[in-house]
Amino acid sequence: MKKLCCIVSAALLALLLCACGTKSGEPTSVRTTENSSAVEDTTDMANPLDAVDVLYEEGDHYKIYSNAEKTLYRYDVLDNTGALIDQGYQDWHCVSFKETGDILQLFYWYSGPLSLVRYYDTEQGRVSRFFSSPLLTYEETVAYFSVREDSIILVVQNMFEPATFYREFDRDFSGMVIRGGDCKPEFLQNGKQLKLTYWRGENDEEFTEIFDLR
């Protein structure tokens, strides 16, 4: 059961990443392809994103646009100077933004409470990778579960620069931790510890543990 849950979660994540169509740091084009030699000259072809110009929603550091039919959406993310630092598009509207200080969060929602989250440092223009259903953040630290083959690992890292801080914990986590169980995550001691409730083994035994991050 645990292995099946991991496989399903990994498949959902892969499908969503394919659907997001984002590329950090430069505009995304529907004409972009890895095998450019197999593509004919598209100079005169209309770009569908040219029609995505109706302002749908905006905040201090982001704007969401749609086409007139509201069947295609594009978002722009801006730093504190107004420079574009990320752009993405999709054919359904399941994107939302949340801002805390200089950290802007982008949420791609899918399958109930599950989500992909990307973080932006609007002061320095840094863009994180996507994280699958992160548990909690503290300043630039993010905690999340990572699915690797038939194992689930707890990872706590710097969201922008993992080389500066990265920790892994293996506790034989059960699939309950990624099936929507309430882990009650809490950072303690100014981010030096993480308190977490989790489930272990095939019998989903419940534990509460404080993980030392120093």
Protein backbone atom coordinates (compact mmCIF):
# COMPACT_ATOMS: atom_id res chain seq x y z
CA MET A 1 0.00 0.00 0.00
CA LYS A 2 2.82 2.40 0.92
CA LYS A 3 4.67 1.69 -2.33
CA LEU A 4 1.50 2.17 -4.39
CA CYS A 5 0.79 5.50 -2.69
CA CYS A 6 4.33 6.69 -3.40
CA ILE A 7 4.07 5.72 -7.07
CA VAL A 8 0.71 7.48 -7.49
CA SER A 9 2.00 10.64 -5.78
CA ALA A 10 5.12 10.69 -7.93
CA ALA A 11 3.01 10.24 -11.07
CA LEU A 12 0.72 13.13 -10.11
CA LEU A 13 3.74 15.34 -9.53
CA ALA A 14 5.27 14.43 -12.89
CA LEU A 15 2.03 15.12 -14.75
CA LEU A 16 1.57 18.48 -13.09
CA LEU A 17 5.12 19.58 -13.78
CA CYS A 18 4.53 18.80 -17.45
CA ALA A 19 1.30 20.82 -17.40
CA CYS A 20 2.73 23.87 -15.63
CA GLY A 21 4.87 24.93 -18.57
CA THR A 22 7.05 27.30 -16.52
CA LYS A 23 10.68 28.20 -16.91
CA SER A 24 12.36 30.32 -14.29
CA GLY A 25 13.97 33.53 -15.38
CA GLU A 26 12.66 33.86 -18.94
CA PRO A 27 9.29 33.99 -20.76
CA THR A 28 7.73 30.67 -21.71
CA SER A 29 6.81 30.14 -25.38
CA VAL A 30 4.45 27.48 -26.68
CA ARG A 31 6.80 27.17 -29.66
CA THR A 32 9.76 26.11 -27.50
CA THR A 33 11.03 22.58 -28.17
CA GLU A 34 14.08 20.53 -27.27
CA ASN A 35 14.25 19.02 -30.76
CA SER A 36 14.45 22.23 -32.79
CA SER A 37 15.68 20.41 -35.93
CA ALA A 38 12.32 18.65 -36.22
CA VAL A 39 10.28 21.88 -36.15
CA GLU A 40 9.43 23.92 -39.23
CA ASP A 41 9.86 27.69 -39.35
CA THR A 42 7.05 29.17 -37.19
CA THR A 43 7.92 32.84 -37.64
CA ASP A 44 4.55 33.64 -39.24
CA MET A 45 2.47 31.44 -36.89
CA ALA A 46 0.31 33.13 -34.27
CA ASN A 47 1.37 32.65 -30.68
CA PRO A 48 -1.69 31.76 -28.53
CA LEU A 49 -0.14 33.63 -25.61
CA ASP A 50 -0.45 36.90 -27.55
CA ALA A 51 -4.21 36.74 -26.84
CA VAL A 52 -3.66 36.22 -23.08
CA ASP A 53 -3.74 39.93 -22.30
CA VAL A 54 -6.80 40.45 -20.07
CA LEU A 55 -5.73 41.30 -16.51
CA TYR A 56 -7.36 38.72 -14.25
CA GLU A 57 -5.67 39.40 -10.89
CA GLU A 58 -2.67 41.31 -9.60
CA GLY A 59 -0.63 41.91 -6.47
CA ASP A 60 2.46 43.91 -5.60
CA HIS A 61 4.77 41.38 -7.28
CA TYR A 62 2.61 39.34 -9.66
CA LYS A 63 0.01 39.65 -12.40
CA ILE A 64 -2.31 36.96 -13.79
CA TYR A 65 -3.72 37.39 -17.29
CA SER A 66 -6.36 35.41 -19.22
CA ASN A 67 -7.68 35.32 -22.74
CA ALA A 68 -11.21 36.63 -23.45
CA GLU A 69 -12.69 33.12 -23.13
CA LYS A 70 -10.85 32.44 -19.83
CA THR A 71 -9.50 29.17 -21.20
CA LEU A 72 -5.81 30.09 -21.01
CA TYR A 73 -3.91 31.88 -18.25
CA ARG A 74 -0.48 33.44 -17.90
CA TYR A 75 1.28 34.80 -14.82
CA ASP A 76 4.18 37.21 -14.49
CA VAL A 77 6.29 37.49 -11.32
CA LEU A 78 8.21 40.70 -10.65
CA ASP A 79 10.96 41.64 -8.22
CA ASN A 80 11.00 44.82 -6.14
CA THR A 81 12.33 46.82 -9.10
CA GLY A 82 9.54 45.63 -11.41
CA ALA A 83 11.82 43.31 -13.41
CA LEU A 84 10.31 40.03 -14.67
CA ILE A 85 11.84 37.06 -12.81
CA ASP A 86 9.41 34.28 -13.77
CA GLN A 87 6.53 33.61 -16.15
CA GLY A 88 4.25 30.63 -16.71
CA TYR A 89 1.05 29.63 -18.44
CA GLN A 90 -1.67 26.99 -18.17
CA ASP A 91 -5.02 26.06 -19.66
CA TRP A 92 -6.91 26.04 -16.36
CA HIS A 93 -6.93 28.45 -13.43
CA CYS A 94 -5.54 26.76 -10.34
CA VAL A 95 -2.79 29.23 -9.46
CA SER A 96 -2.73 31.43 -6.39
CA PHE A 97 -0.12 33.66 -4.75
CA LYS A 98 0.65 34.47 -1.12
CA GLU A 99 3.19 37.04 0.05
CA THR A 100 4.98 37.22 3.39
CA GLY A 101 7.62 39.93 3.65
CA ASP A 102 10.04 39.57 0.74
CA ILE A 103 8.99 35.95 0.08
CA LEU A 104 6.26 35.40 -2.52
CA GLN A 105 4.71 31.94 -2.83
CA LEU A 106 3.16 30.50 -5.99
CA PHE A 107 0.70 27.61 -5.51
CA TYR A 108 -0.35 25.16 -8.21
CA TRP A 109 -3.31 23.29 -6.72
CA TYR A 110 -4.18 19.77 -7.80
CA SER A 111 -6.09 16.78 -6.39
CA GLY A 112 -7.58 18.31 -3.25
CA PRO A 113 -5.06 19.64 -0.70
CA LEU A 114 -2.01 18.59 -2.75
CA SER A 115 -0.03 21.37 -4.39
CA LEU A 116 3.22 22.43 -6.00
CA VAL A 117 4.80 25.52 -4.49
CA ARG A 118 7.51 27.84 -5.83
CA TYR A 119 9.14 30.59 -3.76
CA TYR A 120 10.42 33.98 -4.90
CA ASP A 121 12.81 36.33 -3.11
CA THR A 122 11.46 39.61 -4.49
CA GLU A 123 14.28 41.62 -2.90
CA GLN A 124 17.15 39.72 -4.57
CA GLY A 125 15.25 38.23 -7.50
CA ARG A 126 15.88 34.58 -6.54
CA VAL A 127 13.51 31.83 -7.72
CA SER A 128 13.23 28.40 -6.09
CA ARG A 129 12.41 25.10 -7.71
CA PHE A 130 8.93 23.60 -7.27
CA PHE A 131 8.27 21.75 -4.00
CA SER A 132 5.52 19.14 -3.71
CA SER A 133 3.07 19.91 -0.87
CA PRO A 134 5.63 21.47 1.53
CA LEU A 135 4.81 21.12 5.21
CA LEU A 136 5.96 24.48 6.54
CA THR A 137 8.46 27.28 6.01
CA TYR A 138 10.52 29.42 8.36
CA GLU A 139 12.19 32.38 6.66
CA GLU A 140 14.13 30.64 3.82
CA THR A 141 13.85 27.12 5.30
CA VAL A 142 11.27 24.69 3.88
CA ALA A 143 10.30 21.23 5.15
CA TYR A 144 8.72 18.60 2.89
CA PHE A 145 8.48 14.88 2.19
CA SER A 146 10.34 13.47 -0.81
CA VAL A 147 9.24 10.23 -2.51
CA ARG A 148 12.12 8.08 -3.74
CA GLU A 149 11.20 4.74 -5.31
CA ASP A 150 9.48 2.92 -2.40
CA SER A 151 10.75 5.22 0.37
CA ILE A 152 9.58 8.52 1.85
CA ILE A 153 12.20 10.93 3.21
CA LEU A 154 11.73 14.08 5.30
CA VAL A 155 13.83 16.91 3.84
CA VAL A 156 14.52 20.30 5.43
CA GLN A 157 16.53 22.74 3.30
CA ASN A 158 17.14 26.29 2.22
CA MET A 159 14.50 26.88 -0.46
CA PHE A 160 16.82 28.89 -2.72
CA GLU A 161 20.32 27.56 -2.00
CA PRO A 162 20.29 23.95 -0.71
CA ALA A 163 24.10 23.94 -0.66
CA THR A 164 23.93 26.29 2.33
CA PHE A 165 21.53 24.12 4.34
CA TYR A 166 20.17 20.64 3.66
CA ARG A 167 19.08 17.85 6.03
CA GLU A 168 17.42 14.46 5.41
CA PHE A 169 15.62 12.20 7.90
CA ASP A 170 14.53 8.58 7.29
CA ARG A 171 11.99 7.17 9.75
CA ASP A 172 10.24 4.49 7.68
CA PHE A 173 7.47 7.03 7.07
CA SER A 174 4.16 5.50 5.98
CA GLY A 175 2.07 6.78 3.08
CA MET A 176 -0.17 8.56 5.59
CA VAL A 177 2.24 11.53 5.66
CA ILE A 178 1.52 12.28 1.99
CA ARG A 179 -2.12 11.18 1.97
CA GLY A 180 -3.20 14.28 3.85
CA GLY A 181 -2.52 13.28 7.46
CA ASP A 182 -2.23 16.25 9.82
CA CYS A 183 1.47 16.32 10.73
CA LYS A 184 1.07 19.45 12.90
CA PRO A 185 4.46 20.86 11.79
CA GLU A 186 6.05 23.54 13.98
CA PHE A 187 9.46 25.18 13.84
CA LEU A 188 11.00 25.73 17.28
CA GLN A 189 14.02 27.60 18.64
CA ASN A 190 14.04 30.15 15.81
CA GLY A 191 14.13 27.48 13.13
CA LYS A 192 16.74 25.27 14.81
CA GLN A 193 14.24 22.45 15.47
CA LEU A 194 11.21 21.00 13.71
CA LYS A 195 8.41 19.37 15.72
CA LEU A 196 6.41 16.90 13.66
CA THR A 197 3.70 14.28 14.09
CA TYR A 198 4.07 11.44 11.59
CA TRP A 199 3.12 7.83 10.89
CA ARG A 200 5.54 4.92 10.53
CA GLY A 201 5.43 1.45 9.01
CA GLU A 202 2.62 -0.57 7.49
CA ASN A 203 0.46 -0.17 10.60
CA ASP A 204 0.62 3.64 10.51
CA GLU A 205 1.92 3.95 14.05
CA GLU A 206 1.79 7.58 15.18
CA PHE A 207 4.86 9.36 16.56
CA THR A 208 5.67 12.91 17.55
CA GLU A 209 9.34 13.88 17.27
CA ILE A 210 11.48 16.98 17.50
CA PHE A 211 14.12 17.00 14.74
CA ASP A 212 17.35 18.85 15.48
CA LEU A 213 18.34 20.99 12.48
CA ARG A 214 21.62 22.39 13.85
